Amino acid sequence: MSEPELTRITALVYNSLWYRLRQLFILIKRQNYIKKTLPQNADAIYPKVGKILKYGIKAVGS
């Protein structure tokens, strides 16, 4: 393998890893935001989602 090829492959791997990490970070931030904001007004906006958050998934089926 030549030097430019190796550099290109390294850059591709690094960029894809960085992209994955950023997506994961955004997902975690979004999850925390939903957890913080949803329980206060969950029943008004999403009745079923509010029930899931309060009682777990079993309560929605009943």
C-alpha atoms as a PDB file:
ATOM      1  CA  MET A   1       0.000   0.000   0.000  1.00  0.00           C
ATOM      2  CA  SER A   2       1.292   3.400  -0.918  1.00  0.00           C
ATOM      3  CA  GLU A   3       1.497   6.343   1.438  1.00  0.00           C
ATOM      4  CA  PRO A   4      -1.398   8.409  -0.055  1.00  0.00           C
ATOM      5  CA  GLU A   5      -3.664   5.355  -0.065  1.00  0.00           C
ATOM      6  CA  LEU A   6      -2.949   4.658   3.585  1.00  0.00           C
ATOM      7  CA  THR A   7      -3.532   8.302   4.490  1.00  0.00           C
ATOM      8  CA  ARG A   8      -6.859   8.264   2.676  1.00  0.00           C
ATOM      9  CA  ILE A   9      -7.991   5.076   4.413  1.00  0.00           C
ATOM     10  CA  THR A  10      -6.925   6.435   7.803  1.00  0.00           C
ATOM     11  CA  ALA A  11      -8.840   9.648   7.165  1.00  0.00           C
ATOM     12  CA  LEU A  12     -11.952   7.713   6.125  1.00  0.00           C
ATOM     13  CA  VAL A  13     -11.856   5.530   9.229  1.00  0.00           C
ATOM     14  CA  TYR A  14     -11.241   8.509  11.499  1.00  0.00           C
ATOM     15  CA  ASN A  15     -14.060  10.537   9.929  1.00  0.00           C
ATOM     16  CA  SER A  16     -16.565   7.699  10.148  1.00  0.00           C
ATOM     17  CA  LEU A  17     -15.676   7.053  13.790  1.00  0.00           C
ATOM     18  CA  TRP A  18     -15.963  10.750  14.612  1.00  0.00           C
ATOM     19  CA  TYR A  19     -19.326  10.883  12.834  1.00  0.00           C
ATOM     20  CA  ARG A  20     -20.605   7.896  14.836  1.00  0.00           C
ATOM     21  CA  LEU A  21     -19.463   9.441  18.104  1.00  0.00           C
ATOM     22  CA  ARG A  22     -21.174  12.724  17.271  1.00  0.00           C
ATOM     23  CA  GLN A  23     -24.414  10.954  16.363  1.00  0.00           C
ATOM     24  CA  LEU A  24     -24.279   9.016  19.633  1.00  0.00           C
ATOM     25  CA  PHE A  25     -23.683  12.204  21.609  1.00  0.00           C
ATOM     26  CA  ILE A  26     -26.624  13.923  19.875  1.00  0.00           C
ATOM     27  CA  LEU A  27     -28.828  10.903  20.588  1.00  0.00           C
ATOM     28  CA  ILE A  28     -27.891  10.890  24.286  1.00  0.00           C
ATOM     29  CA  LYS A  29     -28.527  14.632  24.551  1.00  0.00           C
ATOM     30  CA  ARG A  30     -31.904  14.206  22.865  1.00  0.00           C
ATOM     31  CA  GLN A  31     -32.838  11.345  25.204  1.00  0.00           C
ATOM     32  CA  ASN A  32     -31.952  13.421  28.262  1.00  0.00           C
ATOM     33  CA  TYR A  33     -33.924  16.374  26.897  1.00  0.00           C
ATOM     34  CA  ILE A  34     -36.972  14.174  26.320  1.00  0.00           C
ATOM     35  CA  LYS A  35     -36.676  12.687  29.822  1.00  0.00           C
ATOM     36  CA  LYS A  36     -36.443  16.156  31.356  1.00  0.00           C
ATOM     37  CA  THR A  37     -39.243  17.844  29.425  1.00  0.00           C
ATOM     38  CA  LEU A  38     -41.761  15.073  28.795  1.00  0.00           C
ATOM     39  CA  PRO A  39     -42.920  13.935  32.266  1.00  0.00           C
ATOM     40  CA  GLN A  40     -44.258  17.382  33.248  1.00  0.00           C
ATOM     41  CA  ASN A  41     -46.656  17.723  30.316  1.00  0.00           C
ATOM     42  CA  ALA A  42     -46.663  14.195  28.907  1.00  0.00           C
ATOM     43  CA  ASP A  43     -50.329  13.460  29.599  1.00  0.00           C
ATOM     44  CA  ALA A  44     -51.524  16.574  27.806  1.00  0.00           C
ATOM     45  CA  ILE A  45     -49.532  15.991  24.621  1.00  0.00           C
ATOM     46  CA  TYR A  46     -48.910  12.249  24.410  1.00  0.00           C
ATOM     47  CA  PRO A  47     -51.238  10.309  26.731  1.00  0.00           C
ATOM     48  CA  LYS A  48     -49.831   6.889  25.786  1.00  0.00           C
ATOM     49  CA  VAL A  49     -46.215   8.036  26.005  1.00  0.00           C
ATOM     50  CA  GLY A  50     -46.917   9.505  29.429  1.00  0.00           C
ATOM     51  CA  LYS A  51     -48.354   6.192  30.570  1.00  0.00           C
ATOM     52  CA  ILE A  52     -45.308   4.327  29.276  1.00  0.00           C
ATOM     53  CA  LEU A  53     -42.990   6.691  31.150  1.00  0.00           C
ATOM     54  CA  LYS A  54     -44.970   6.432  34.385  1.00  0.00           C
ATOM     55  CA  TYR A  55     -45.989   2.785  34.575  1.00  0.00           C
ATOM     56  CA  GLY A  56     -43.858   0.941  32.044  1.00  0.00           C
ATOM     57  CA  ILE A  57     -44.992  -0.659  28.826  1.00  0.00           C
ATOM     58  CA  LYS A  58     -47.495  -3.068  30.447  1.00  0.00           C
ATOM     59  CA  ALA A  59     -49.919  -0.300  31.454  1.00  0.00           C
ATOM     60  CA  VAL A  60     -50.545   0.806  27.873  1.00  0.00           C
ATOM     61  CA  GLY A  61     -51.842  -2.588  26.796  1.00  0.00           C
ATOM     62  CA  SER A  62     -54.550  -2.616  29.471  1.00  0.00           C
END
